[in-house]
Amino acid sequence: MRTHGTLSKWNDDRGFGFITPAQGSDGIFVHISSFPPGGPRPTVGELISFETQAGPDGKTRAIRVMRPGVSGKRPQRHRAPPARRRISLAGVVTAAAIAAIAMYGYREFNKPAPVDRVVEPAAHVVATPPVASFKCDGRTTCSQMTSCAEATYFLQHCPNTTMDGNGDGEPCEKQWCN
């Protein structure tokens, strides 16, 4: 049976208090769990409606407390239905263009180096200037030469050279062309 009364005592730290019924009987115990969830904290002097029940210790206690002007239910948040996304042709074309650019950039970035650009010098080859840069300038001995190619050019093109001691056509065998 629902009864009305006034909250006469309240201990907010411990979450309980006492209600003085409108009929003027003794105070009735009330716990915070009997109030509707989500509402404001109870205050002394507040008018409330409640039902009674015998507690575990046999004493009467208030249950299912209602407050005038305060809804017993938690306020529900109204959610708008999810918006339907439209896929436009411009969006699809833009996404395809971005994907194509990304793929092109990825392929260009990961492209292996061309083989013809890789130059590995041979260990046995001595760097020499091109043949056209040699000219007969009066040098005739191996000690005056700077490479085997130069000595070979002088032996074949210049007169009075003394660079082929054994006459086999290979100059400066001990110094440059070994």
C-alpha atoms as a PDB file:
ATOM      1  CA  MET A   1       0.000   0.000   0.000  1.00  0.00           C
ATOM      2  CA  ARG A   2       1.427   3.375  -1.045  1.00  0.00           C
ATOM      3  CA  THR A   3       1.865   5.977   1.679  1.00  0.00           C
ATOM      4  CA  HIS A   4       2.964   9.616   1.676  1.00  0.00           C
ATOM      5  CA  GLY A   5       5.344  11.357   3.983  1.00  0.00           C
ATOM      6  CA  THR A   6       8.195  13.809   4.455  1.00  0.00           C
ATOM      7  CA  LEU A   7      11.883  12.966   4.552  1.00  0.00           C
ATOM      8  CA  SER A   8      12.704  14.111   8.093  1.00  0.00           C
ATOM      9  CA  LYS A   9      16.337  12.946   8.446  1.00  0.00           C
ATOM     10  CA  TRP A  10      18.958  12.137   5.813  1.00  0.00           C
ATOM     11  CA  ASN A  11      22.631  11.098   6.050  1.00  0.00           C
ATOM     12  CA  ASP A  12      23.987  11.657   2.548  1.00  0.00           C
ATOM     13  CA  ASP A  13      27.421  10.186   3.400  1.00  0.00           C
ATOM     14  CA  ARG A  14      25.932   6.862   4.448  1.00  0.00           C
ATOM     15  CA  GLY A  15      22.959   6.889   2.035  1.00  0.00           C
ATOM     16  CA  PHE A  16      20.022   6.444   4.399  1.00  0.00           C
ATOM     17  CA  GLY A  17      17.470   8.429   6.380  1.00  0.00           C
ATOM     18  CA  PHE A  18      13.993   8.422   7.950  1.00  0.00           C
ATOM     19  CA  ILE A  19      10.546   9.363   6.660  1.00  0.00           C
ATOM     20  CA  THR A  20       7.821  10.826   8.842  1.00  0.00           C
ATOM     21  CA  PRO A  21       4.524   9.448   7.460  1.00  0.00           C
ATOM     22  CA  ALA A  22       1.566  11.822   6.911  1.00  0.00           C
ATOM     23  CA  GLN A  23      -0.481   9.774   9.494  1.00  0.00           C
ATOM     24  CA  GLY A  24       2.035  10.816  12.170  1.00  0.00           C
ATOM     25  CA  SER A  25       3.453   7.406  13.163  1.00  0.00           C
ATOM     26  CA  ASP A  26       7.124   6.666  13.991  1.00  0.00           C
ATOM     27  CA  GLY A  27       9.860   7.364  11.441  1.00  0.00           C
ATOM     28  CA  ILE A  28      10.334   4.735   8.754  1.00  0.00           C
ATOM     29  CA  PHE A  29      13.846   3.783   7.582  1.00  0.00           C
ATOM     30  CA  VAL A  30      14.691   4.445   3.918  1.00  0.00           C
ATOM     31  CA  HIS A  31      17.838   3.536   1.991  1.00  0.00           C
ATOM     32  CA  ILE A  32      19.194   5.322  -1.097  1.00  0.00           C
ATOM     33  CA  SER A  33      18.648   2.141  -3.155  1.00  0.00           C
ATOM     34  CA  SER A  34      14.872   2.599  -2.720  1.00  0.00           C
ATOM     35  CA  PHE A  35      14.935   5.884  -4.648  1.00  0.00           C
ATOM     36  CA  PRO A  36      14.686   5.869  -8.446  1.00  0.00           C
ATOM     37  CA  PRO A  37      18.103   5.698 -10.091  1.00  0.00           C
ATOM     38  CA  GLY A  38      19.447   8.727 -11.913  1.00  0.00           C
ATOM     39  CA  GLY A  39      17.444  11.313  -9.997  1.00  0.00           C
ATOM     40  CA  PRO A  40      18.691  14.074  -7.680  1.00  0.00           C
ATOM     41  CA  ARG A  41      19.973  13.239  -4.196  1.00  0.00           C
ATOM     42  CA  PRO A  42      17.280  13.190  -1.481  1.00  0.00           C
ATOM     43  CA  THR A  43      16.917  16.327   0.707  1.00  0.00           C
ATOM     44  CA  VAL A  44      15.377  16.823   4.160  1.00  0.00           C
ATOM     45  CA  GLY A  45      11.793  18.190   3.975  1.00  0.00           C
ATOM     46  CA  GLU A  46      11.118  16.602   0.610  1.00  0.00           C
ATOM     47  CA  LEU A  47       7.629  15.125   0.086  1.00  0.00           C
ATOM     48  CA  ILE A  48       7.740  11.527  -1.100  1.00  0.00           C
ATOM     49  CA  SER A  49       5.442   8.592  -1.792  1.00  0.00           C
ATOM     50  CA  PHE A  50       6.531   5.085  -0.797  1.00  0.00           C
ATOM     51  CA  GLU A  51       5.516   1.525  -0.024  1.00  0.00           C
ATOM     52  CA  THR A  52       6.513  -0.340   3.130  1.00  0.00           C
ATOM     53  CA  GLN A  53       7.965  -3.758   3.703  1.00  0.00           C
ATOM     54  CA  ALA A  54       9.473  -5.629   6.640  1.00  0.00           C
ATOM     55  CA  GLY A  55      13.283  -5.569   6.448  1.00  0.00           C
ATOM     56  CA  PRO A  56      15.667  -8.465   7.317  1.00  0.00           C
ATOM     57  CA  ASP A  57      15.629  -7.343  10.938  1.00  0.00           C
ATOM     58  CA  GLY A  58      11.799  -7.343  11.062  1.00  0.00           C
ATOM     59  CA  LYS A  59      11.438  -3.546  11.178  1.00  0.00           C
ATOM     60  CA  THR A  60       9.382  -1.640   8.635  1.00  0.00           C
ATOM     61  CA  ARG A  61      11.302   0.076   5.853  1.00  0.00           C
ATOM     62  CA  ALA A  62      10.340   2.178   2.842  1.00  0.00           C
ATOM     63  CA  ILE A  63      10.678   0.704  -0.649  1.00  0.00           C
ATOM     64  CA  ARG A  64       9.852   1.879  -4.200  1.00  0.00           C
ATOM     65  CA  VAL A  65      10.090   5.565  -3.276  1.00  0.00           C
ATOM     66  CA  MET A  66       8.570   8.056  -5.728  1.00  0.00           C
ATOM     67  CA  ARG A  67       9.095  11.787  -5.792  1.00  0.00           C
ATOM     68  CA  PRO A  68       6.466  14.172  -7.110  1.00  0.00           C
ATOM     69  CA  GLY A  69       7.636  15.931 -10.250  1.00  0.00           C
ATOM     70  CA  VAL A  70      10.603  13.568 -10.739  1.00  0.00           C
ATOM     71  CA  SER A  71      10.338  10.794 -13.271  1.00  0.00           C
ATOM     72  CA  GLY A  72      11.126   7.328 -11.990  1.00  0.00           C
ATOM     73  CA  LYS A  73      12.841   6.418 -15.207  1.00  0.00           C
ATOM     74  CA  ARG A  74      16.193   7.587 -16.417  1.00  0.00           C
ATOM     75  CA  PRO A  75      15.906  10.044 -19.233  1.00  0.00           C
ATOM     76  CA  GLN A  76      16.507   8.326 -22.516  1.00  0.00           C
ATOM     77  CA  ARG A  77      18.697   9.887 -25.064  1.00  0.00           C
ATOM     78  CA  HIS A  78      17.007  10.038 -28.392  1.00  0.00           C
ATOM     79  CA  ARG A  79      19.345   9.088 -31.130  1.00  0.00           C
ATOM     80  CA  ALA A  80      18.721  10.123 -34.637  1.00  0.00           C
ATOM     81  CA  PRO A  81      18.671   7.221 -37.036  1.00  0.00           C
ATOM     82  CA  PRO A  82      21.976   6.809 -38.784  1.00  0.00           C
ATOM     83  CA  ALA A  83      22.179   8.902 -41.906  1.00  0.00           C
ATOM     84  CA  ARG A  84      22.294   6.992 -45.138  1.00  0.00           C
ATOM     85  CA  ARG A  85      25.412   7.841 -47.028  1.00  0.00           C
ATOM     86  CA  ARG A  86      25.107   8.466 -50.687  1.00  0.00           C
ATOM     87  CA  ILE A  87      28.023   7.573 -52.844  1.00  0.00           C
ATOM     88  CA  SER A  88      28.432  10.135 -55.567  1.00  0.00           C
ATOM     89  CA  LEU A  89      30.131   9.607 -58.878  1.00  0.00           C
ATOM     90  CA  ALA A  90      32.546  12.446 -58.102  1.00  0.00           C
ATOM     91  CA  GLY A  91      33.605  10.700 -54.893  1.00  0.00           C
ATOM     92  CA  VAL A  92      34.231   7.423 -56.686  1.00  0.00           C
ATOM     93  CA  VAL A  93      36.252   9.139 -59.430  1.00  0.00           C
ATOM     94  CA  THR A  94      38.305  11.055 -56.852  1.00  0.00           C
ATOM     95  CA  ALA A  95      39.059   7.879 -54.898  1.00  0.00           C
ATOM     96  CA  ALA A  96      40.080   6.052 -58.084  1.00  0.00           C
ATOM     97  CA  ALA A  97      42.393   8.920 -59.102  1.00  0.00           C
ATOM     98  CA  ILE A  98      44.070   8.963 -55.701  1.00  0.00           C
ATOM     99  CA  ALA A  99      44.547   5.186 -55.827  1.00  0.00           C
ATOM    100  CA  ALA A 100      46.062   5.387 -59.327  1.00  0.00           C
ATOM    101  CA  ILE A 101      48.495   8.122 -58.314  1.00  0.00           C
ATOM    102  CA  ALA A 102      49.492   6.169 -55.223  1.00  0.00           C
ATOM    103  CA  MET A 103      50.135   3.006 -57.240  1.00  0.00           C
ATOM    104  CA  TYR A 104      52.192   4.900 -59.828  1.00  0.00           C
ATOM    105  CA  GLY A 105      54.280   6.538 -57.117  1.00  0.00           C
ATOM    106  CA  TYR A 106      54.809   3.217 -55.372  1.00  0.00           C
ATOM    107  CA  ARG A 107      55.999   1.544 -58.589  1.00  0.00           C
ATOM    108  CA  GLU A 108      58.334   4.427 -59.444  1.00  0.00           C
ATOM    109  CA  PHE A 109      59.778   4.459 -55.951  1.00  0.00           C
ATOM    110  CA  ASN A 110      60.394   0.698 -55.898  1.00  0.00           C
ATOM    111  CA  LYS A 111      61.724   0.444 -59.462  1.00  0.00           C
ATOM    112  CA  PRO A 112      65.116  -1.332 -59.574  1.00  0.00           C
ATOM    113  CA  ALA A 113      68.111   0.620 -60.809  1.00  0.00           C
ATOM    114  CA  PRO A 114      68.837   0.163 -64.522  1.00  0.00           C
ATOM    115  CA  VAL A 115      71.576  -2.376 -65.151  1.00  0.00           C
ATOM    116  CA  ASP A 116      73.448  -0.206 -67.653  1.00  0.00           C
ATOM    117  CA  ARG A 117      74.056   2.448 -65.012  1.00  0.00           C
ATOM    118  CA  VAL A 118      75.792   0.058 -62.632  1.00  0.00           C
ATOM    119  CA  VAL A 119      79.519   0.273 -63.329  1.00  0.00           C
ATOM    120  CA  GLU A 120      81.927  -1.969 -61.521  1.00  0.00           C
ATOM    121  CA  PRO A 121      85.584  -1.155 -62.225  1.00  0.00           C
ATOM    122  CA  ALA A 122      87.745  -4.128 -63.116  1.00  0.00           C
ATOM    123  CA  ALA A 123      90.621  -4.641 -60.722  1.00  0.00           C
ATOM    124  CA  HIS A 124      93.210  -5.354 -63.446  1.00  0.00           C
ATOM    125  CA  VAL A 125      92.372  -2.422 -65.751  1.00  0.00           C
ATOM    126  CA  VAL A 126      94.422   0.709 -65.261  1.00  0.00           C
ATOM    127  CA  ALA A 127      92.589   3.908 -66.057  1.00  0.00           C
ATOM    128  CA  THR A 128      94.242   5.561 -69.066  1.00  0.00           C
ATOM    129  CA  PRO A 129      93.439   8.627 -71.045  1.00  0.00           C
ATOM    130  CA  PRO A 130      91.943   8.077 -74.494  1.00  0.00           C
ATOM    131  CA  VAL A 131      94.379   7.347 -77.362  1.00  0.00           C
ATOM    132  CA  ALA A 132      93.595  10.650 -79.052  1.00  0.00           C
ATOM    133  CA  SER A 133      95.164  12.537 -76.158  1.00  0.00           C
ATOM    134  CA  PHE A 134      98.606  10.946 -76.743  1.00  0.00           C
ATOM    135  CA  LYS A 135     101.001  12.654 -79.141  1.00  0.00           C
ATOM    136  CA  CYS A 136     104.634  12.264 -79.910  1.00  0.00           C
ATOM    137  CA  ASP A 137     106.449  14.856 -77.829  1.00  0.00           C
ATOM    138  CA  GLY A 138     109.999  13.537 -77.744  1.00  0.00           C
ATOM    139  CA  ARG A 139     109.717  11.040 -74.887  1.00  0.00           C
ATOM    140  CA  THR A 140     111.443   7.770 -75.694  1.00  0.00           C
ATOM    141  CA  THR A 141     111.992   5.738 -72.464  1.00  0.00           C
ATOM    142  CA  CYS A 142     109.697   3.819 -70.060  1.00  0.00           C
ATOM    143  CA  SER A 143     110.539   6.068 -67.110  1.00  0.00           C
ATOM    144  CA  GLN A 144     108.949   8.968 -69.013  1.00  0.00           C
ATOM    145  CA  MET A 145     105.606   7.136 -69.542  1.00  0.00           C
ATOM    146  CA  THR A 146     102.586   7.123 -67.146  1.00  0.00           C
ATOM    147  CA  SER A 147     100.782   3.959 -68.337  1.00  0.00           C
ATOM    148  CA  CYS A 148     101.038   0.879 -70.503  1.00  0.00           C
ATOM    149  CA  ALA A 149      98.612   2.388 -73.049  1.00  0.00           C
ATOM    150  CA  GLU A 150     100.771   5.482 -73.355  1.00  0.00           C
ATOM    151  CA  ALA A 151     103.934   3.424 -73.807  1.00  0.00           C
ATOM    152  CA  THR A 152     102.199   1.265 -76.460  1.00  0.00           C
ATOM    153  CA  TYR A 153     101.075   4.378 -78.363  1.00  0.00           C
ATOM    154  CA  PHE A 154     104.584   5.848 -78.301  1.00  0.00           C
ATOM    155  CA  LEU A 155     106.147   2.542 -79.442  1.00  0.00           C
ATOM    156  CA  GLN A 156     103.726   2.242 -82.410  1.00  0.00           C
ATOM    157  CA  HIS A 157     103.523   5.908 -83.494  1.00  0.00           C
ATOM    158  CA  CYS A 158     106.658   7.773 -82.432  1.00  0.00           C
ATOM    159  CA  PRO A 159     110.236   7.375 -83.825  1.00  0.00           C
ATOM    160  CA  ASN A 160     113.385   6.610 -81.832  1.00  0.00           C
ATOM    161  CA  THR A 161     111.702   4.943 -78.787  1.00  0.00           C
ATOM    162  CA  THR A 162     113.750   2.571 -76.633  1.00  0.00           C
ATOM    163  CA  MET A 163     110.920   0.905 -74.750  1.00  0.00           C
ATOM    164  CA  ASP A 164     110.877  -2.602 -76.281  1.00  0.00           C
ATOM    165  CA  GLY A 165     114.088  -4.202 -75.090  1.00  0.00           C
ATOM    166  CA  ASN A 166     113.334  -7.769 -76.291  1.00  0.00           C
ATOM    167  CA  GLY A 167     111.613  -6.767 -79.570  1.00  0.00           C
ATOM    168  CA  ASP A 168     108.304  -8.583 -78.954  1.00  0.00           C
ATOM    169  CA  GLY A 169     106.172  -5.455 -79.578  1.00  0.00           C
ATOM    170  CA  GLU A 170     105.193  -4.999 -75.938  1.00  0.00           C
ATOM    171  CA  PRO A 171     106.809  -1.925 -74.346  1.00  0.00           C
ATOM    172  CA  CYS A 172     107.927  -1.386 -70.753  1.00  0.00           C
ATOM    173  CA  GLU A 173     107.354  -4.985 -69.656  1.00  0.00           C
ATOM    174  CA  LYS A 174     109.156  -4.539 -66.354  1.00  0.00           C
ATOM    175  CA  GLN A 175     107.539  -1.229 -65.417  1.00  0.00           C
ATOM    176  CA  TRP A 176     104.057  -0.748 -67.028  1.00  0.00           C
ATOM    177  CA  CYS A 177     102.913  -3.669 -69.174  1.00  0.00           C
ATOM    178  CA  ASN A 178     103.606  -6.766 -67.097  1.00  0.00           C
END
